[in-house]
PDB file of all heavy atoms in Angstrom:
ATOM      1  N   LYS A   1       0.841  -1.202  -0.053  1.00  0.00           N
ATOM      2  CA  LYS A   1      -0.032   0.003  -0.021  1.00  0.00           C
ATOM      3  C   LYS A   1       0.929   1.250  -0.009  1.00  0.00           C
ATOM      4  O   LYS A   1       2.017   1.256   0.470  1.00  0.00           O
ATOM      5  CB  LYS A   1      -0.913   0.009   1.244  1.00  0.00           C
ATOM      6  CG  LYS A   1      -1.871  -1.197   1.221  1.00  0.00           C
ATOM      7  CD  LYS A   1      -2.825  -1.142   2.469  1.00  0.00           C
ATOM      8  CE  LYS A   1      -3.763  -2.253   2.451  1.00  0.00           C
ATOM      9  NZ  LYS A   1      -4.732  -2.224   3.587  1.00  0.00           N
ATOM     10  N   SER A   2       0.363   2.382  -0.516  1.00  0.00           N
ATOM     11  CA  SER A   2       0.980   3.611  -0.581  1.00  0.00           C
ATOM     12  C   SER A   2       0.034   4.666  -0.403  1.00  0.00           C
ATOM     13  O   SER A   2      -0.972   4.845  -0.943  1.00  0.00           O
ATOM     14  CB  SER A   2       1.715   3.734  -1.893  1.00  0.00           C
ATOM     15  OG  SER A   2       2.285   5.056  -2.023  1.00  0.00           O
ATOM     16  N   LEU A   3       0.424   5.702   0.415  1.00  0.00           N
ATOM     17  CA  LEU A   3      -0.404   6.890   0.654  1.00  0.00           C
ATOM     18  C   LEU A   3       0.540   8.125   0.961  1.00  0.00           C
ATOM     19  O   LEU A   3       1.347   8.037   1.873  1.00  0.00           O
ATOM     20  CB  LEU A   3      -1.358   6.666   1.778  1.00  0.00           C
ATOM     21  CG  LEU A   3      -2.189   8.010   2.246  1.00  0.00           C
ATOM     22  CD1 LEU A   3      -3.050   8.400   1.082  1.00  0.00           C
ATOM     23  CD2 LEU A   3      -2.954   7.730   3.452  1.00  0.00           C
ATOM     24  N   PHE A   4       0.460   9.173   0.162  1.00  0.00           N
ATOM     25  CA  PHE A   4       1.313  10.346   0.326  1.00  0.00           C
ATOM     26  C   PHE A   4       0.343  11.422   1.008  1.00  0.00           C
ATOM     27  O   PHE A   4      -0.785  11.576   0.647  1.00  0.00           O
ATOM     28  CB  PHE A   4       1.776  10.923  -0.985  1.00  0.00           C
ATOM     29  CG  PHE A   4       2.841  10.028  -1.569  1.00  0.00           C
ATOM     30  CD1 PHE A   4       2.602   9.103  -2.495  1.00  0.00           C
ATOM     31  CD2 PHE A   4       4.264  10.280  -1.162  1.00  0.00           C
ATOM     32  CE1 PHE A   4       3.610   8.280  -3.016  1.00  0.00           C
ATOM     33  CE2 PHE A   4       5.194   9.518  -1.747  1.00  0.00           C
ATOM     34  CZ  PHE A   4       4.941   8.488  -2.606  1.00  0.00           C
ATOM     35  N   MET A   5       0.972  12.135   1.908  1.00  0.00           N
ATOM     36  CA  MET A   5       0.272  13.327   2.487  1.00  0.00           C
ATOM     37  C   MET A   5       1.263  14.524   2.321  1.00  0.00           C
ATOM     38  O   MET A   5       2.382  14.543   2.687  1.00  0.00           O
ATOM     39  CB  MET A   5       0.031  13.072   4.023  1.00  0.00           C
ATOM     40  CG  MET A   5      -0.922  11.980   4.266  1.00  0.00           C
ATOM     41  SD  MET A   5      -1.241  11.658   6.107  1.00  0.00           S
ATOM     42  CE  MET A   5       0.333  11.123   6.641  1.00  0.00           C
ATOM     43  N   ILE A   6       0.628  15.513   1.653  1.00  0.00           N
ATOM     44  CA  ILE A   6       1.452  16.759   1.336  1.00  0.00           C
ATOM     45  C   ILE A   6       1.312  17.822   2.420  1.00  0.00           C
ATOM     46  O   ILE A   6       0.274  18.105   2.937  1.00  0.00           O
ATOM     47  CB  ILE A   6       0.957  17.335  -0.011  1.00  0.00           C
ATOM     48  CG1 ILE A   6       0.847  16.189  -1.066  1.00  0.00           C
ATOM     49  CG2 ILE A   6       1.878  18.430  -0.511  1.00  0.00           C
ATOM     50  CD1 ILE A   6       2.115  15.540  -1.357  1.00  0.00           C
ATOM     51  N   ASP A   7       2.518  18.385   2.793  1.00  0.00           N
ATOM     52  CA  ASP A   7       2.563  19.538   3.678  1.00  0.00           C
ATOM     53  C   ASP A   7       1.819  20.745   3.151  1.00  0.00           C
ATOM     54  O   ASP A   7       2.015  21.067   1.979  1.00  0.00           O
ATOM     55  CB  ASP A   7       3.970  19.895   4.067  1.00  0.00           C
ATOM     56  CG  ASP A   7       4.698  18.907   4.911  1.00  0.00           C
ATOM     57  OD1 ASP A   7       3.965  18.101   5.568  1.00  0.00           O
ATOM     58  OD2 ASP A   7       5.862  18.904   4.900  1.00  0.00           O
ATOM     59  N   GLN A   8       0.928  21.280   3.820  1.00  0.00           N
ATOM     60  CA  GLN A   8       0.184  22.464   3.456  1.00  0.00           C
ATOM     61  C   GLN A   8       1.040  23.724   3.518  1.00  0.00           C
ATOM     62  O   GLN A   8       0.774  24.803   2.878  1.00  0.00           O
ATOM     63  CB  GLN A   8      -1.059  22.676   4.305  1.00  0.00           C
ATOM     64  CG  GLN A   8      -2.053  21.577   4.220  1.00  0.00           C
ATOM     65  CD  GLN A   8      -2.561  21.237   2.861  1.00  0.00           C
ATOM     66  OE1 GLN A   8      -2.922  22.184   2.132  1.00  0.00           O
ATOM     67  NE2 GLN A   8      -2.527  19.976   2.414  1.00  0.00           N
ATOM     68  N   ALA A   9       2.182  23.631   4.208  1.00  0.00           N
ATOM     69  CA  ALA A   9       3.070  24.836   4.423  1.00  0.00           C
ATOM     70  C   ALA A   9       3.647  25.183   3.077  1.00  0.00           C
ATOM     71  O   ALA A   9       3.966  26.362   2.884  1.00  0.00           O
ATOM     72  CB  ALA A   9       4.108  24.597   5.489  1.00  0.00           C
ATOM     73  N   ASN A  10       4.008  24.200   2.276  1.00  0.00           N
ATOM     74  CA  ASN A  10       4.618  24.503   0.988  1.00  0.00           C
ATOM     75  C   ASN A  10       3.725  23.955  -0.099  1.00  0.00           C
ATOM     76  O   ASN A  10       3.793  22.933  -0.523  1.00  0.00           O
ATOM     77  CB  ASN A  10       6.049  23.939   0.762  1.00  0.00           C
ATOM     78  CG  ASN A  10       6.097  22.527   1.207  1.00  0.00           C
ATOM     79  OD1 ASN A  10       5.088  21.824   1.399  1.00  0.00           O
ATOM     80  ND2 ASN A  10       7.399  21.995   1.338  1.00  0.00           N
ATOM     81  N   ALA A  11       2.802  24.858  -0.558  1.00  0.00           N
ATOM     82  CA  ALA A  11       1.790  24.464  -1.534  1.00  0.00           C
ATOM     83  C   ALA A  11       2.450  23.965  -2.867  1.00  0.00           C
ATOM     84  O   ALA A  11       3.496  24.365  -3.270  1.00  0.00           O
ATOM     85  CB  ALA A  11       0.891  25.593  -1.782  1.00  0.00           C
ATOM     86  N   VAL A  12       1.699  23.057  -3.500  1.00  0.00           N
ATOM     87  CA  VAL A  12       2.136  22.576  -4.794  1.00  0.00           C
ATOM     88  C   VAL A  12       2.119  23.680  -5.800  1.00  0.00           C
ATOM     89  O   VAL A  12       1.126  24.404  -5.885  1.00  0.00           O
ATOM     90  CB  VAL A  12       1.128  21.463  -5.272  1.00  0.00           C
ATOM     91  CG1 VAL A  12       1.530  20.908  -6.684  1.00  0.00           C
ATOM     92  CG2 VAL A  12       1.139  20.287  -4.189  1.00  0.00           C
ATOM     93  N   PRO A  13       3.238  23.875  -6.592  1.00  0.00           N
ATOM     94  CA  PRO A  13       3.211  24.978  -7.598  1.00  0.00           C
ATOM     95  C   PRO A  13       2.008  24.932  -8.567  1.00  0.00           C
ATOM     96  O   PRO A  13       1.697  23.741  -8.847  1.00  0.00           O
ATOM     97  CB  PRO A  13       4.500  24.714  -8.325  1.00  0.00           C
ATOM     98  CG  PRO A  13       5.362  23.996  -7.294  1.00  0.00           C
ATOM     99  CD  PRO A  13       4.407  23.105  -6.561  1.00  0.00           C
ATOM    100  N   GLU A  14       1.614  26.064  -8.959  1.00  0.00           N
ATOM    101  CA  GLU A  14       0.549  26.120 -10.043  1.00  0.00           C
ATOM    102  C   GLU A  14       0.958  25.388 -11.292  1.00  0.00           C
ATOM    103  O   GLU A  14       2.037  25.507 -11.739  1.00  0.00           O
ATOM    104  CB  GLU A  14       0.155  27.533 -10.253  1.00  0.00           C
ATOM    105  CG  GLU A  14      -1.097  27.685 -11.220  1.00  0.00           C
ATOM    106  CD  GLU A  14      -1.376  29.175 -11.383  1.00  0.00           C
ATOM    107  OE1 GLU A  14      -0.762  30.056 -10.796  1.00  0.00           O
ATOM    108  OE2 GLU A  14      -2.413  29.422 -12.226  1.00  0.00           O
ATOM    109  N   GLY A  15      -0.015  24.552 -11.824  1.00  0.00           N
ATOM    110  CA  GLY A  15       0.297  23.901 -13.021  1.00  0.00           C
ATOM    111  C   GLY A  15       0.931  22.528 -12.880  1.00  0.00           C
ATOM    112  O   GLY A  15       1.052  21.739 -13.801  1.00  0.00           O
ATOM    113  N   MET A  16       1.360  22.127 -11.613  1.00  0.00           N
ATOM    114  CA  MET A  16       1.895  20.812 -11.376  1.00  0.00           C
ATOM    115  C   MET A  16       0.748  19.810 -10.998  1.00  0.00           C
ATOM    116  O   MET A  16      -0.001  20.133 -10.031  1.00  0.00           O
ATOM    117  CB  MET A  16       2.853  20.869 -10.207  1.00  0.00           C
ATOM    118  CG  MET A  16       3.607  19.481  -9.981  1.00  0.00           C
ATOM    119  SD  MET A  16       4.750  19.682  -8.545  1.00  0.00           S
ATOM    120  CE  MET A  16       6.026  20.690  -9.220  1.00  0.00           C
ATOM    121  N   VAL A  17       0.650  18.706 -11.678  1.00  0.00           N
ATOM    122  CA  VAL A  17      -0.214  17.691 -11.360  1.00  0.00           C
ATOM    123  C   VAL A  17       0.463  16.522 -10.713  1.00  0.00           C
ATOM    124  O   VAL A  17       1.108  15.794 -11.378  1.00  0.00           O
ATOM    125  CB  VAL A  17      -1.065  17.203 -12.628  1.00  0.00           C
ATOM    126  CG1 VAL A  17      -2.107  16.267 -12.243  1.00  0.00           C
ATOM    127  CG2 VAL A  17      -1.681  18.450 -13.316  1.00  0.00           C
ATOM    128  N   LEU A  18       0.386  16.441  -9.429  1.00  0.00           N
ATOM    129  CA  LEU A  18       1.292  15.509  -8.697  1.00  0.00           C
ATOM    130  C   LEU A  18       0.993  13.998  -9.127  1.00  0.00           C
ATOM    131  O   LEU A  18       1.924  13.224  -9.213  1.00  0.00           O
ATOM    132  CB  LEU A  18       1.116  15.660  -7.150  1.00  0.00           C
ATOM    133  CG  LEU A  18       1.701  16.798  -6.524  1.00  0.00           C
ATOM    134  CD1 LEU A  18       1.404  16.873  -5.098  1.00  0.00           C
ATOM    135  CD2 LEU A  18       3.246  16.915  -6.822  1.00  0.00           C
ATOM    136  N   ASP A  19      -0.231  13.622  -9.313  1.00  0.00           N
ATOM    137  CA  ASP A  19      -0.480  12.179  -9.584  1.00  0.00           C
ATOM    138  C   ASP A  19      -0.065  11.781 -10.908  1.00  0.00           C
ATOM    139  O   ASP A  19      -0.144  10.528 -11.286  1.00  0.00           O
ATOM    140  CB  ASP A  19      -2.000  11.841  -9.307  1.00  0.00           C
ATOM    141  CG  ASP A  19      -2.979  12.582 -10.315  1.00  0.00           C
ATOM    142  OD1 ASP A  19      -2.456  13.320 -11.169  1.00  0.00           O
ATOM    143  OD2 ASP A  19      -4.154  12.547 -10.064  1.00  0.00           O
ATOM    144  N   THR A  20       0.549  12.625 -11.736  1.00  0.00           N
ATOM    145  CA  THR A  20       1.151  12.191 -12.994  1.00  0.00           C
ATOM    146  C   THR A  20       2.557  11.670 -12.786  1.00  0.00           C
ATOM    147  O   THR A  20       3.087  11.135 -13.684  1.00  0.00           O
ATOM    148  CB  THR A  20       1.177  13.326 -14.019  1.00  0.00           C
ATOM    149  OG1 THR A  20       1.909  14.433 -13.542  1.00  0.00           O
ATOM    150  CG2 THR A  20      -0.309  13.766 -14.382  1.00  0.00           C
ATOM    151  N   PHE A  21       3.140  11.864 -11.590  1.00  0.00           N
ATOM    152  CA  PHE A  21       4.465  11.408 -11.301  1.00  0.00           C
ATOM    153  C   PHE A  21       4.438  10.119 -10.650  1.00  0.00           C
ATOM    154  O   PHE A  21       3.805   9.816  -9.616  1.00  0.00           O
ATOM    155  CB  PHE A  21       5.166  12.458 -10.322  1.00  0.00           C
ATOM    156  CG  PHE A  21       5.411  13.790 -11.016  1.00  0.00           C
ATOM    157  CD1 PHE A  21       4.524  14.765 -10.797  1.00  0.00           C
ATOM    158  CD2 PHE A  21       6.568  14.079 -11.749  1.00  0.00           C
ATOM    159  CE1 PHE A  21       4.756  15.992 -11.407  1.00  0.00           C
ATOM    160  CE2 PHE A  21       6.829  15.273 -12.313  1.00  0.00           C
ATOM    161  CZ  PHE A  21       5.841  16.218 -12.181  1.00  0.00           C
ATOM    162  N   LYS A  22       5.097   9.108 -11.246  1.00  0.00           N
ATOM    163  CA  LYS A  22       5.201   7.745 -10.730  1.00  0.00           C
ATOM    164  C   LYS A  22       6.521   7.521 -10.083  1.00  0.00           C
ATOM    165  O   LYS A  22       7.537   7.677 -10.665  1.00  0.00           O
ATOM    166  CB  LYS A  22       4.913   6.690 -11.813  1.00  0.00           C
ATOM    167  CG  LYS A  22       3.653   7.014 -12.669  1.00  0.00           C
ATOM    168  CD  LYS A  22       2.346   6.837 -11.819  1.00  0.00           C
ATOM    169  CE  LYS A  22       1.114   6.837 -12.693  1.00  0.00           C
ATOM    170  NZ  LYS A  22       0.898   8.060 -13.409  1.00  0.00           N
ATOM    171  N   ILE A  23       6.577   7.142  -8.790  1.00  0.00           N
ATOM    172  CA  ILE A  23       7.838   7.105  -8.144  1.00  0.00           C
ATOM    173  C   ILE A  23       7.843   5.784  -7.280  1.00  0.00           C
ATOM    174  O   ILE A  23       6.863   5.162  -6.951  1.00  0.00           O
ATOM    175  CB  ILE A  23       7.999   8.227  -7.160  1.00  0.00           C
ATOM    176  CG1 ILE A  23       6.908   8.288  -6.099  1.00  0.00           C
ATOM    177  CG2 ILE A  23       7.998   9.636  -7.936  1.00  0.00           C
ATOM    178  CD1 ILE A  23       7.116   9.398  -5.052  1.00  0.00           C
ATOM    179  N   ARG A  24       9.163   5.418  -7.043  1.00  0.00           N
ATOM    180  CA  ARG A  24       9.452   4.244  -6.205  1.00  0.00           C
ATOM    181  C   ARG A  24       9.359   4.713  -4.672  1.00  0.00           C
ATOM    182  O   ARG A  24       9.653   5.797  -4.303  1.00  0.00           O
ATOM    183  CB  ARG A  24      10.751   3.625  -6.475  1.00  0.00           C
ATOM    184  CG  ARG A  24      10.767   3.083  -7.884  1.00  0.00           C
ATOM    185  CD  ARG A  24      12.283   2.703  -8.217  1.00  0.00           C
ATOM    186  NE  ARG A  24      12.748   1.559  -7.518  1.00  0.00           N
ATOM    187  CZ  ARG A  24      13.961   1.186  -7.511  1.00  0.00           C
ATOM    188  NH1 ARG A  24      14.873   1.782  -8.330  1.00  0.00           N
ATOM    189  NH2 ARG A  24      14.346   0.061  -6.756  1.00  0.00           N
ATOM    190  N   VAL A  25       8.908   3.643  -3.937  1.00  0.00           N
ATOM    191  CA  VAL A  25       8.773   3.951  -2.429  1.00  0.00           C
ATOM    192  C   VAL A  25       9.608   2.968  -1.623  1.00  0.00           C
ATOM    193  O   VAL A  25      10.114   1.946  -2.172  1.00  0.00           O
ATOM    194  CB  VAL A  25       7.216   3.881  -2.019  1.00  0.00           C
ATOM    195  CG1 VAL A  25       6.460   4.922  -2.788  1.00  0.00           C
ATOM    196  CG2 VAL A  25       6.690   2.442  -2.318  1.00  0.00           C
ATOM    197  N   PRO A  26       9.842   3.197  -0.321  1.00  0.00           N
ATOM    198  CA  PRO A  26      10.666   2.309   0.431  1.00  0.00           C
ATOM    199  C   PRO A  26      10.069   0.877   0.523  1.00  0.00           C
ATOM    200  O   PRO A  26       8.854   0.622   0.512  1.00  0.00           O
ATOM    201  CB  PRO A  26      10.640   2.920   1.849  1.00  0.00           C
ATOM    202  CG  PRO A  26      10.393   4.405   1.587  1.00  0.00           C
ATOM    203  CD  PRO A  26       9.488   4.441   0.423  1.00  0.00           C
ATOM    204  N   ALA A  27      11.011  -0.063   0.620  1.00  0.00           N
ATOM    205  CA  ALA A  27      10.677  -1.482   0.668  1.00  0.00           C
ATOM    206  C   ALA A  27      11.334  -2.075   1.899  1.00  0.00           C
ATOM    207  O   ALA A  27      10.763  -3.002   2.464  1.00  0.00           O
ATOM    208  CB  ALA A  27      11.126  -2.222  -0.570  1.00  0.00           C
ATOM    209  N   ASN A  28      12.327  -1.552   2.356  1.00  0.00           N
ATOM    210  CA  ASN A  28      13.123  -1.912   3.657  1.00  0.00           C
ATOM    211  C   ASN A  28      13.694  -0.682   4.256  1.00  0.00           C
ATOM    212  O   ASN A  28      14.057   0.262   3.606  1.00  0.00           O
ATOM    213  CB  ASN A  28      14.183  -2.978   3.320  1.00  0.00           C
ATOM    214  CG  ASN A  28      13.568  -4.370   3.147  1.00  0.00           C
ATOM    215  OD1 ASN A  28      13.033  -4.974   4.025  1.00  0.00           O
ATOM    216  ND2 ASN A  28      13.731  -4.948   1.934  1.00  0.00           N
ATOM    217  N   TRP A  29      13.795  -0.780   5.608  1.00  0.00           N
ATOM    218  CA  TRP A  29      14.308   0.296   6.414  1.00  0.00           C
ATOM    219  C   TRP A  29      14.973  -0.308   7.663  1.00  0.00           C
ATOM    220  O   TRP A  29      14.405  -1.038   8.349  1.00  0.00           O
ATOM    221  CB  TRP A  29      13.169   1.266   6.807  1.00  0.00           C
ATOM    222  CG  TRP A  29      13.608   2.647   7.157  1.00  0.00           C
ATOM    223  CD1 TRP A  29      14.381   2.972   8.310  1.00  0.00           C
ATOM    224  CD2 TRP A  29      13.428   3.821   6.499  1.00  0.00           C
ATOM    225  NE1 TRP A  29      14.555   4.318   8.346  1.00  0.00           N
ATOM    226  CE2 TRP A  29      13.985   4.892   7.280  1.00  0.00           C
ATOM    227  CE3 TRP A  29      12.766   4.168   5.332  1.00  0.00           C
ATOM    228  CZ2 TRP A  29      13.943   6.194   6.826  1.00  0.00           C
ATOM    229  CZ3 TRP A  29      12.689   5.471   4.809  1.00  0.00           C
ATOM    230  CH2 TRP A  29      13.375   6.484   5.645  1.00  0.00           C
ATOM    231  N   ASP A  30      16.320   0.008   7.833  1.00  0.00           N
ATOM    232  CA  ASP A  30      17.024  -0.549   8.924  1.00  0.00           C
ATOM    233  C   ASP A  30      17.219   0.449  10.055  1.00  0.00           C
ATOM    234  O   ASP A  30      16.806   1.642   9.977  1.00  0.00           O
ATOM    235  CB  ASP A  30      18.349  -1.147   8.521  1.00  0.00           C
ATOM    236  CG  ASP A  30      19.324  -0.038   8.150  1.00  0.00           C
ATOM    237  OD1 ASP A  30      19.218   1.129   8.397  1.00  0.00           O
ATOM    238  OD2 ASP A  30      20.371  -0.406   7.470  1.00  0.00           O
ATOM    239  N   LYS A  31      17.832   0.058  11.189  1.00  0.00           N
ATOM    240  CA  LYS A  31      17.958   0.824  12.310  1.00  0.00           C
ATOM    241  C   LYS A  31      18.846   2.046  12.205  1.00  0.00           C
ATOM    242  O   LYS A  31      18.771   2.996  12.925  1.00  0.00           O
ATOM    243  CB  LYS A  31      18.441   0.033  13.545  1.00  0.00           C
ATOM    244  CG  LYS A  31      19.830  -0.617  13.322  1.00  0.00           C
ATOM    245  CD  LYS A  31      20.238  -1.432  14.454  1.00  0.00           C
ATOM    246  CE  LYS A  31      21.502  -2.098  14.310  1.00  0.00           C
ATOM    247  NZ  LYS A  31      21.938  -2.943  15.462  1.00  0.00           N
ATOM    248  N   ASN A  32      19.658   1.978  11.181  1.00  0.00           N
ATOM    249  CA  ASN A  32      20.555   3.183  10.787  1.00  0.00           C
ATOM    250  C   ASN A  32      19.881   4.081   9.799  1.00  0.00           C
ATOM    251  O   ASN A  32      20.558   4.981   9.250  1.00  0.00           O
ATOM    252  CB  ASN A  32      21.797   2.652  10.292  1.00  0.00           C
ATOM    253  CG  ASN A  32      22.645   1.783  11.332  1.00  0.00           C
ATOM    254  OD1 ASN A  32      22.664   2.218  12.485  1.00  0.00           O
ATOM    255  ND2 ASN A  32      23.191   0.672  10.897  1.00  0.00           N
ATOM    256  N   ASN A  33      18.614   3.934   9.438  1.00  0.00           N
ATOM    257  CA  ASN A  33      17.877   4.756   8.537  1.00  0.00           C
ATOM    258  C   ASN A  33      18.323   4.666   7.133  1.00  0.00           C
ATOM    259  O   ASN A  33      18.313   5.546   6.383  1.00  0.00           O
ATOM    260  CB  ASN A  33      17.879   6.261   9.032  1.00  0.00           C
ATOM    261  CG  ASN A  33      17.009   6.437  10.268  1.00  0.00           C
ATOM    262  OD1 ASN A  33      16.033   5.815  10.431  1.00  0.00           O
ATOM    263  ND2 ASN A  33      17.331   7.404  11.024  1.00  0.00           N
ATOM    264  N   ASN A  34      19.007   3.491   6.830  1.00  0.00           N
ATOM    265  CA  ASN A  34      19.258   3.124   5.464  1.00  0.00           C
ATOM    266  C   ASN A  34      18.066   2.401   4.855  1.00  0.00           C
ATOM    267  O   ASN A  34      17.444   1.670   5.543  1.00  0.00           O
ATOM    268  CB  ASN A  34      20.471   2.310   5.440  1.00  0.00           C
ATOM    269  CG  ASN A  34      21.761   3.002   5.882  1.00  0.00           C
ATOM    270  OD1 ASN A  34      21.950   4.221   5.684  1.00  0.00           O
ATOM    271  ND2 ASN A  34      22.619   2.186   6.552  1.00  0.00           N
ATOM    272  N   TYR A  35      17.760   2.592   3.652  1.00  0.00           N
ATOM    273  CA  TYR A  35      16.590   1.931   3.050  1.00  0.00           C
ATOM    274  C   TYR A  35      16.858   1.597   1.614  1.00  0.00           C
ATOM    275  O   TYR A  35      17.719   2.037   0.938  1.00  0.00           O
ATOM    276  CB  TYR A  35      15.341   2.860   3.198  1.00  0.00           C
ATOM    277  CG  TYR A  35      15.520   4.170   2.438  1.00  0.00           C
ATOM    278  CD1 TYR A  35      15.138   4.431   1.176  1.00  0.00           C
ATOM    279  CD2 TYR A  35      15.944   5.346   3.200  1.00  0.00           C
ATOM    280  CE1 TYR A  35      15.261   5.564   0.522  1.00  0.00           C
ATOM    281  CE2 TYR A  35      16.084   6.529   2.555  1.00  0.00           C
ATOM    282  CZ  TYR A  35      15.717   6.667   1.234  1.00  0.00           C
ATOM    283  OH  TYR A  35      15.842   7.906   0.565  1.00  0.00           O
ATOM    284  N   THR A  36      16.030   0.543   1.165  1.00  0.00           N
ATOM    285  CA  THR A  36      15.963   0.199  -0.229  1.00  0.00           C
ATOM    286  C   THR A  36      14.646   0.554  -0.773  1.00  0.00           C
ATOM    287  O   THR A  36      13.640   0.723  -0.005  1.00  0.00           O
ATOM    288  CB  THR A  36      16.290  -1.285  -0.354  1.00  0.00           C
ATOM    289  OG1 THR A  36      15.283  -2.020   0.389  1.00  0.00           O
ATOM    290  CG2 THR A  36      17.691  -1.761   0.130  1.00  0.00           C
ATOM    291  N   LEU A  37      14.538   0.588  -2.111  1.00  0.00           N
ATOM    292  CA  LEU A  37      13.281   0.939  -2.762  1.00  0.00           C
ATOM    293  C   LEU A  37      12.592  -0.234  -3.429  1.00  0.00           C
ATOM    294  O   LEU A  37      13.239  -1.168  -3.889  1.00  0.00           O
ATOM    295  CB  LEU A  37      13.611   2.064  -3.757  1.00  0.00           C
ATOM    296  CG  LEU A  37      14.098   3.383  -3.273  1.00  0.00           C
ATOM    297  CD1 LEU A  37      14.411   4.348  -4.498  1.00  0.00           C
ATOM    298  CD2 LEU A  37      13.096   3.995  -2.307  1.00  0.00           C
ATOM    299  N   SER A  38      11.321  -0.111  -3.406  1.00  0.00           N
ATOM    300  CA  SER A  38      10.512  -1.162  -4.130  1.00  0.00           C
ATOM    301  C   SER A  38      10.605  -1.033  -5.596  1.00  0.00           C
ATOM    302  O   SER A  38      10.767   0.114  -6.122  1.00  0.00           O
ATOM    303  CB  SER A  38       9.031  -1.057  -3.671  1.00  0.00           C
ATOM    304  OG  SER A  38       8.195  -1.784  -4.558  1.00  0.00           O
ATOM    305  N   PRO A  39      10.614  -2.116  -6.369  1.00  0.00           N
ATOM    306  CA  PRO A  39      10.473  -1.987  -7.819  1.00  0.00           C
ATOM    307  C   PRO A  39       9.188  -1.438  -8.304  1.00  0.00           C
ATOM    308  O   PRO A  39       9.016  -0.965  -9.371  1.00  0.00           O
ATOM    309  CB  PRO A  39      10.716  -3.429  -8.245  1.00  0.00           C
ATOM    310  CG  PRO A  39      10.299  -4.318  -7.071  1.00  0.00           C
ATOM    311  CD  PRO A  39      10.629  -3.519  -5.933  1.00  0.00           C
ATOM    312  N   ASP A  40       8.158  -1.550  -7.419  1.00  0.00           N
ATOM    313  CA  ASP A  40       6.819  -0.979  -7.818  1.00  0.00           C
ATOM    314  C   ASP A  40       6.869   0.521  -7.732  1.00  0.00           C
ATOM    315  O   ASP A  40       7.537   1.087  -6.945  1.00  0.00           O
ATOM    316  CB  ASP A  40       5.795  -1.564  -6.871  1.00  0.00           C
ATOM    317  CG  ASP A  40       5.742  -3.024  -6.830  1.00  0.00           C
ATOM    318  OD1 ASP A  40       5.633  -3.658  -8.003  1.00  0.00           O
ATOM    319  OD2 ASP A  40       5.731  -3.691  -5.709  1.00  0.00           O
TER     320      ASP A  40
END
């Protein structure tokens, strides 16, 4: 599952449609805050 929450303090620039950007998200996260990304 994936859910993004955008900070209201820095509004999305006019003309930018966020859901057109497809990005990788974390798949693993260790105690040193190193992480790997999902292929999805």
